[in-house]
Protein backbone atom coordinates (compact mmCIF):
# COMPACT_ATOMS: atom_id res chain seq x y z
CA UNK A 1 90.84 244.73 115.99
CA UNK A 2 90.28 246.17 112.46
CA UNK A 3 91.10 249.72 113.23
CA UNK A 4 94.11 248.68 115.17
CA UNK A 5 95.23 247.14 112.04
CA UNK A 6 94.52 249.77 109.62
CA UNK A 7 96.24 252.07 111.92
CA UNK A 8 99.27 250.05 112.22
CA UNK A 9 99.37 249.94 108.42
CA UNK A 10 99.10 253.64 108.06
CA UNK A 11 101.88 254.33 110.56
CA UNK A 12 104.16 251.83 108.91
CA UNK A 13 103.53 253.65 105.46
CA UNK A 14 104.19 257.01 107.11
CA UNK A 15 107.35 255.55 108.48
CA UNK A 16 108.57 254.40 105.05
CA UNK A 17 107.91 257.75 103.62
CA UNK A 18 109.74 259.55 106.05
CA UNK A 19 112.72 257.02 106.14
CA UNK A 20 112.80 257.46 102.32
CA UNK A 21 113.06 261.39 102.50
CA UNK A 22 115.92 261.12 105.11
CA UNK A 23 117.94 258.76 103.12
CA UNK A 24 117.53 260.97 99.71
CA UNK A 25 117.71 264.50 100.98
CA UNK A 26 119.58 265.33 97.70
CA UNK A 27 116.32 264.88 96.06
CA UNK A 28 114.55 267.66 97.70
CA UNK A 29 113.48 270.73 95.59
CA UNK A 30 114.68 273.52 97.78
CA UNK A 31 118.59 273.22 96.10
CA UNK A 32 120.32 273.39 99.48
CA UNK A 33 119.75 269.98 100.82
CA UNK A 34 123.27 268.51 99.59
CA UNK A 35 124.89 271.46 101.17
CA UNK A 36 123.84 270.20 104.84
CA UNK A 37 124.44 266.47 104.04
CA UNK A 38 127.58 264.87 106.05
CA UNK A 39 129.85 263.02 104.08
CA UNK A 40 130.03 259.65 105.94
CA UNK A 41 132.95 258.54 103.56
CA UNK A 42 135.48 260.64 105.22
CA UNK A 43 136.35 261.27 108.55
CA UNK A 44 134.59 264.57 110.14
CA UNK A 45 136.76 267.58 111.68
CA UNK A 46 134.04 269.85 112.98
CA UNK A 47 134.81 272.30 110.18
CA UNK A 48 138.63 272.23 110.20
CA UNK A 49 140.44 272.09 107.13
CA UNK A 50 144.21 272.35 106.38
CA UNK A 51 144.83 273.87 102.96
CA UNK A 52 148.25 273.24 101.34
CA UNK A 53 150.16 276.13 99.95
CA UNK A 54 153.29 275.85 97.83
CA UNK A 55 156.38 277.77 98.59
CA UNK A 56 160.10 277.92 97.60
CA UNK A 57 160.90 275.70 100.61
CA UNK A 58 158.08 273.32 99.78
CA UNK A 59 154.61 272.47 100.42
CA UNK A 60 152.88 273.83 104.03
CA UNK A 61 149.56 273.95 105.28
CA UNK A 62 147.30 276.70 106.76
CA UNK A 63 144.45 276.20 109.19
CA UNK A 64 140.90 277.05 108.74
CA UNK A 65 137.67 276.36 110.38
CA UNK A 66 134.06 276.52 109.36
CA UNK A 67 131.37 277.20 111.69
CA UNK A 68 127.72 277.25 110.54
CA UNK A 69 125.71 276.30 107.44
CA UNK A 70 124.50 278.85 105.03
CA UNK A 71 125.24 278.49 101.38
CA UNK A 72 124.51 282.20 100.70
CA UNK A 73 126.65 283.82 103.35
CA UNK A 74 130.46 282.85 103.92
CA UNK A 75 132.14 285.47 105.94
CA UNK A 76 136.11 284.70 106.01
CA UNK A 77 137.65 286.53 109.39
CA UNK A 78 141.24 287.89 108.55
CA UNK A 79 142.96 288.97 112.02
CA UNK A 80 145.24 291.69 112.64
CA UNK A 81 148.78 292.01 113.42
CA UNK A 82 150.21 291.20 111.12
CA UNK A 83 150.95 287.83 112.73
CA UNK A 84 148.07 287.31 115.33
CA UNK A 85 146.28 284.01 115.22
CA UNK A 86 142.41 283.79 114.74
CA UNK A 87 141.64 283.46 118.56
CA UNK A 88 140.55 286.96 119.57
CA UNK A 89 137.99 287.01 116.67
CA UNK A 90 136.16 284.05 118.50
CA UNK A 91 133.76 286.78 119.87
CA UNK A 92 131.84 286.22 116.40
CA UNK A 93 130.91 282.87 117.76
CA UNK A 94 128.44 284.69 120.12
CA UNK A 95 126.73 286.71 117.49
CA UNK A 96 126.97 284.88 114.01
CA UNK A 97 125.52 281.57 114.54
CA UNK A 98 122.22 283.35 115.74
CA UNK A 99 122.01 285.29 112.95
CA UNK A 100 122.55 282.14 110.48
CA UNK A 101 126.06 283.32 109.21
CA UNK A 102 128.53 281.07 108.16
CA UNK A 103 132.03 281.95 108.55
CA UNK A 104 135.67 280.94 108.60
CA UNK A 105 138.57 281.33 110.74
CA UNK A 106 141.79 281.46 109.10
CA UNK A 107 145.49 281.41 110.53
CA UNK A 108 147.97 282.61 107.83
CA UNK A 109 151.10 280.43 107.34
CA UNK A 110 153.46 280.89 110.45
CA UNK A 111 150.48 281.96 112.64
CA UNK A 112 148.45 280.09 115.19
CA UNK A 113 147.34 276.40 114.00
CA UNK A 114 149.02 276.79 110.76
CA UNK A 115 152.69 275.42 109.50
CA UNK A 116 155.43 277.64 110.54
CA UNK A 117 158.22 277.17 107.81
CA UNK A 118 160.11 280.34 109.14
CA UNK A 119 160.18 281.49 105.62
CA UNK A 120 160.89 285.32 106.01
CA UNK A 121 160.78 285.92 102.23
CA UNK A 122 156.88 285.56 102.48
CA UNK A 123 156.54 288.51 105.15
CA UNK A 124 155.01 290.78 102.57
CA UNK A 125 151.76 291.95 101.26
CA UNK A 126 151.94 290.20 97.95
CA UNK A 127 152.35 286.86 99.49
CA UNK A 128 149.69 287.34 101.79
CA UNK A 129 147.26 288.21 99.21
CA UNK A 130 148.05 285.17 96.93
CA UNK A 131 147.99 282.72 99.96
CA UNK A 132 144.41 284.12 100.75
CA UNK A 133 143.27 283.52 97.16
CA UNK A 134 144.56 279.96 97.36
CA UNK A 135 142.60 279.61 100.60
CA UNK A 136 139.54 280.85 98.91
CA UNK A 137 139.94 278.33 96.07
CA UNK A 138 140.37 275.34 98.46
CA UNK A 139 137.04 276.58 100.55
CA UNK A 140 135.12 276.96 97.10
CA UNK A 141 134.12 280.58 97.93
CA UNK A 142 132.86 282.77 95.30
CA UNK A 143 131.32 286.22 94.49
CA UNK A 144 127.71 284.80 95.01
CA UNK A 145 128.46 284.21 98.80
CA UNK A 146 132.01 285.46 99.94
CA UNK A 147 132.36 288.08 102.30
CA UNK A 148 135.71 289.29 103.44
CA UNK A 149 136.20 290.65 106.92
CA UNK A 150 139.44 291.94 107.91
CA UNK A 151 140.40 293.85 111.28
CA UNK A 152 143.79 295.84 111.45
CA UNK A 153 146.29 294.16 109.37
CA UNK A 154 143.23 292.00 108.30
CA UNK A 155 141.79 295.04 106.90
CA UNK A 156 144.60 296.01 104.79
CA UNK A 157 144.90 292.45 103.43
CA UNK A 158 141.02 292.50 102.78
CA UNK A 159 141.61 295.75 100.68
CA UNK A 160 144.76 294.52 99.06
CA UNK A 161 142.76 291.34 97.90
CA UNK A 162 139.71 293.40 96.64
CA UNK A 163 141.86 295.50 94.66
CA UNK A 164 143.06 292.46 92.93
CA UNK A 165 140.49 289.59 93.15
CA UNK A 166 137.11 291.46 93.62
CA UNK A 167 135.67 289.41 90.94
CA UNK A 168 135.40 286.73 93.52
CA UNK A 169 133.83 288.66 96.21
CA UNK A 170 130.45 289.87 97.13
CA UNK A 171 131.49 292.65 99.56
CA UNK A 172 134.38 293.41 102.26
CA UNK A 173 134.44 294.89 105.76
CA UNK A 174 137.54 296.96 106.63
CA UNK A 175 137.55 297.11 110.44
CA UNK A 176 139.80 299.76 112.01
CA UNK A 177 142.56 300.23 109.21
CA UNK A 178 143.75 303.14 107.56
CA UNK A 179 144.93 303.25 103.73
CA UNK A 180 148.59 303.87 104.32
CA UNK A 181 151.55 303.49 106.89
CA UNK A 182 152.19 307.25 106.55
CA UNK A 183 148.74 308.13 107.53
CA UNK A 184 149.09 305.60 110.51
CA UNK A 185 151.99 307.50 111.69
CA UNK A 186 150.99 310.55 111.27
CA UNK A 187 148.06 310.11 113.41
CA UNK A 188 149.69 308.58 116.30
CA UNK A 189 152.75 310.89 116.26
CA UNK A 190 150.87 314.18 115.65
CA UNK A 191 147.82 313.39 117.80
CA UNK A 192 147.91 310.19 120.24
CA UNK A 193 151.55 310.53 121.30
CA UNK A 194 150.81 314.15 122.49
CA UNK A 195 148.42 312.70 125.03
CA UNK A 196 150.69 310.93 126.97
CA UNK A 197 152.24 312.61 130.14
CA UNK A 198 155.45 314.03 129.04
CA UNK A 199 157.60 312.49 131.76
CA UNK A 200 156.38 308.98 130.52
CA UNK A 201 156.88 309.63 126.93
CA UNK A 202 160.25 310.78 127.93
CA UNK A 203 160.87 307.58 129.18
CA UNK A 204 159.38 305.75 126.24
CA UNK A 205 161.44 307.52 123.93
CA UNK A 206 164.51 306.95 126.06
CA UNK A 207 164.11 303.17 125.98
CA UNK A 208 163.18 303.41 122.08
CA UNK A 209 166.36 305.21 121.28
CA UNK A 210 168.42 302.20 122.90
CA UNK A 211 166.28 299.79 120.96
CA UNK A 212 165.59 298.19 124.35
CA UNK A 213 161.92 297.28 123.59
CA UNK A 214 162.05 294.44 125.79
CA UNK A 215 162.59 296.27 128.59
CA UNK A 216 159.71 295.73 130.95
CA UNK A 217 159.42 299.47 131.92
CA UNK A 218 158.79 300.01 128.24
CA UNK A 219 155.82 297.51 127.93
CA UNK A 220 154.25 298.65 131.46
CA UNK A 221 154.22 302.32 129.96
CA UNK A 222 152.95 301.31 126.49
CA UNK A 223 150.11 299.18 128.02
CA UNK A 224 149.22 301.77 130.50
CA UNK A 225 149.28 304.85 128.41
CA UNK A 226 148.29 303.55 124.69
CA UNK A 227 146.99 299.96 124.90
CA UNK A 228 144.57 300.58 127.52
CA UNK A 229 143.38 303.78 125.87
CA UNK A 230 143.51 303.06 122.25
CA UNK A 231 143.89 299.23 121.47
CA UNK A 232 141.07 297.90 124.19
CA UNK A 233 139.40 300.41 126.58
CA UNK A 234 139.22 297.84 129.45
CA UNK A 235 140.86 297.54 132.51
CA UNK A 236 144.11 295.51 131.44
CA UNK A 237 143.31 292.71 134.00
CA UNK A 238 139.72 292.44 132.52
CA UNK A 239 140.96 291.96 128.95
CA UNK A 240 139.18 289.10 127.51
CA UNK A 241 140.64 285.64 127.34
CA UNK A 242 140.59 285.22 123.57
CA UNK A 243 142.59 288.42 123.37
CA UNK A 244 144.90 287.58 125.74
CA UNK A 245 145.15 284.25 124.02
CA UNK A 246 146.11 285.82 120.68
CA UNK A 247 148.50 287.99 122.37
CA UNK A 248 150.36 285.24 123.61
CA UNK A 249 150.46 283.52 120.28
CA UNK A 250 152.12 286.48 118.15
CA UNK A 251 154.31 285.18 115.26
CA UNK A 252 157.03 288.18 116.30
CA UNK A 253 159.24 288.00 113.16
CA UNK A 254 156.44 288.57 110.72
CA UNK A 255 155.06 291.46 113.30
CA UNK A 256 158.71 293.12 113.24
CA UNK A 257 159.23 292.82 109.47
CA UNK A 258 156.12 294.57 108.74
CA UNK A 259 154.99 296.68 111.61
CA UNK A 260 158.34 296.88 113.67
CA UNK A 261 159.18 296.80 117.15
CA UNK A 262 156.63 299.49 118.54
CA UNK A 263 153.09 299.99 118.38
CA UNK A 264 153.53 303.92 118.36
CA UNK A 265 154.62 304.15 114.97
CA UNK A 266 155.25 301.84 111.79
CA UNK A 267 159.09 301.36 111.03
CA UNK A 268 158.84 298.01 109.44
CA UNK A 269 158.24 297.62 105.64
CA UNK A 270 154.55 298.77 105.78
CA UNK A 271 155.66 302.27 106.38
CA UNK A 272 155.80 302.60 102.69
CA UNK A 273 152.21 300.75 102.01
CA UNK A 274 149.43 302.71 100.39
CA UNK A 275 146.32 302.08 98.90
CA UNK A 276 144.76 305.22 99.02
CA UNK A 277 144.68 305.91 95.27
CA UNK A 278 143.52 302.51 94.44
CA UNK A 279 140.50 302.78 96.77
CA UNK A 280 138.30 303.96 93.73
CA UNK A 281 139.02 300.90 91.73
CA UNK A 282 136.65 298.80 94.42
CA UNK A 283 133.51 298.18 93.12
CA UNK A 284 131.77 295.89 95.47
CA UNK A 285 129.88 296.82 98.70
CA UNK A 286 132.34 297.75 101.53
CA UNK A 287 131.87 298.74 104.97
CA UNK A 288 134.46 300.68 106.79
CA UNK A 289 134.71 300.55 110.91
CA UNK A 290 136.22 303.47 112.75
CA UNK A 291 136.08 304.43 116.51
CA UNK A 292 136.71 307.49 118.71
CA UNK A 293 139.53 306.29 120.74
CA UNK A 294 141.14 304.07 118.08
CA UNK A 295 144.74 304.05 117.36
CA UNK A 296 143.65 305.06 113.91
CA UNK A 297 141.98 308.21 112.61
CA UNK A 298 138.29 307.54 112.42
CA UNK A 299 137.77 310.68 110.13
CA UNK A 300 140.54 309.12 107.67
CA UNK A 301 138.63 306.02 107.70
CA UNK A 302 135.23 307.74 106.97
CA UNK A 303 137.13 309.54 103.94
CA UNK A 304 138.09 305.79 102.68
CA UNK A 305 134.53 304.90 102.85
CA UNK A 306 133.65 307.59 100.40
CA UNK A 307 136.76 306.68 98.20
CA UNK A 308 135.19 303.28 96.91
CA UNK A 309 132.31 303.31 94.86
CA UNK A 310 129.67 301.63 97.23
CA UNK A 311 131.18 302.42 100.66
CA UNK A 312 129.49 302.81 104.22
CA UNK A 313 130.96 303.86 107.40
CA UNK A 314 130.18 302.54 110.84
CA UNK A 315 131.58 304.84 113.64
CA UNK A 316 131.82 303.58 117.16
CA UNK A 317 131.67 306.58 119.27
CA UNK A 318 132.62 304.66 122.30
CA UNK A 319 134.83 302.29 120.83
CA UNK A 320 138.70 301.62 120.20
CA UNK A 321 140.99 299.47 117.91
CA UNK A 322 138.99 296.48 119.38
CA UNK A 323 135.57 297.79 119.40
CA UNK A 324 134.15 294.30 118.89
CA UNK A 325 134.99 294.21 122.53
CA UNK A 326 134.62 297.79 124.21
CA UNK A 327 131.36 298.76 122.08
CA UNK A 328 130.59 295.30 121.45
CA UNK A 329 126.77 294.89 120.82
CA UNK A 330 126.76 298.20 118.67
CA UNK A 331 129.78 297.06 116.56
CA UNK A 332 128.57 293.50 116.05
CA UNK A 333 125.11 294.45 114.95
CA UNK A 334 126.43 297.22 112.54
CA UNK A 335 128.52 294.37 110.91
CA UNK A 336 125.49 291.85 110.74
CA UNK A 337 123.24 294.52 109.34
CA UNK A 338 125.89 295.20 106.54
CA UNK A 339 126.12 291.37 105.60
CA UNK A 340 122.16 291.11 105.72
CA UNK A 341 121.80 293.96 103.74
CA UNK A 342 124.06 293.01 100.85
CA UNK A 343 122.66 289.56 100.99
CA UNK A 344 119.14 290.86 100.37
CA UNK A 345 119.79 293.30 97.68
CA UNK A 346 119.09 291.97 94.27
């Protein structure tokens, strides 16, 4: 009987100690306890947050979503286009959480889950950079933990943001993006277009000359001869669902204003964009990713990695513009290695 009573007392004491430690996690000495505590005074949204952006037409909101918990590594994902939502970047959910990497989706204003004010005056690089800075502030990201990943147009935005606001960044990853509109057009027109069979290219050119980009024949030929070769090297019927979903949500006016109606060359405002001479001013660690079959010259992207002060280059020998799908393991492991390398460097 005595042993039973003594055991019960000890068990009760242990339970009280455990209860006390659970009720006051902020008092732990590891310094990160508060980060993982759920604020029970507010309604939880699974990491989603609408960030207010003030424009000349009023206040609108852009959608963000956090996945994971790591106070030391916070990666924001910038999607391509311009005008594509975050959807096709959902592939990162299959890799980052297992590596303990916290990351954020972000739909620019007008895209995806964000408000759509229809304000065409914001269709420019400067507005996109300033919007991103407001989002950074709202999410409390800083130079101690903020990694910026950008794919295609997102890579352009990452470089432009770093050129102005790198004081808030720990590192950037520029995936499948060149340094100027002129370089983009050069490679496509002087190299890739010549790989398309002449008869089919003549048809594409004839349709383009009529400005008939909505013609089903045009899209059929471009998908077969360009997208399936240089955008995602997988049979079209096997393209991943998140990619197809993103394609169906394109903010067409945004894309048309900056890119133009054709993937076979920029005729929108980005044709005059150029960051080549400003790359040397980027001093934070930077990873540049290129691919053999990309619509953008991998040798030029390698050159870009040599212009910044602390650049690295990841070459996907079997990949295309969407190497996160058609050379997936190599691509994702390269991105993860870079992030962890930077994080572990004093």
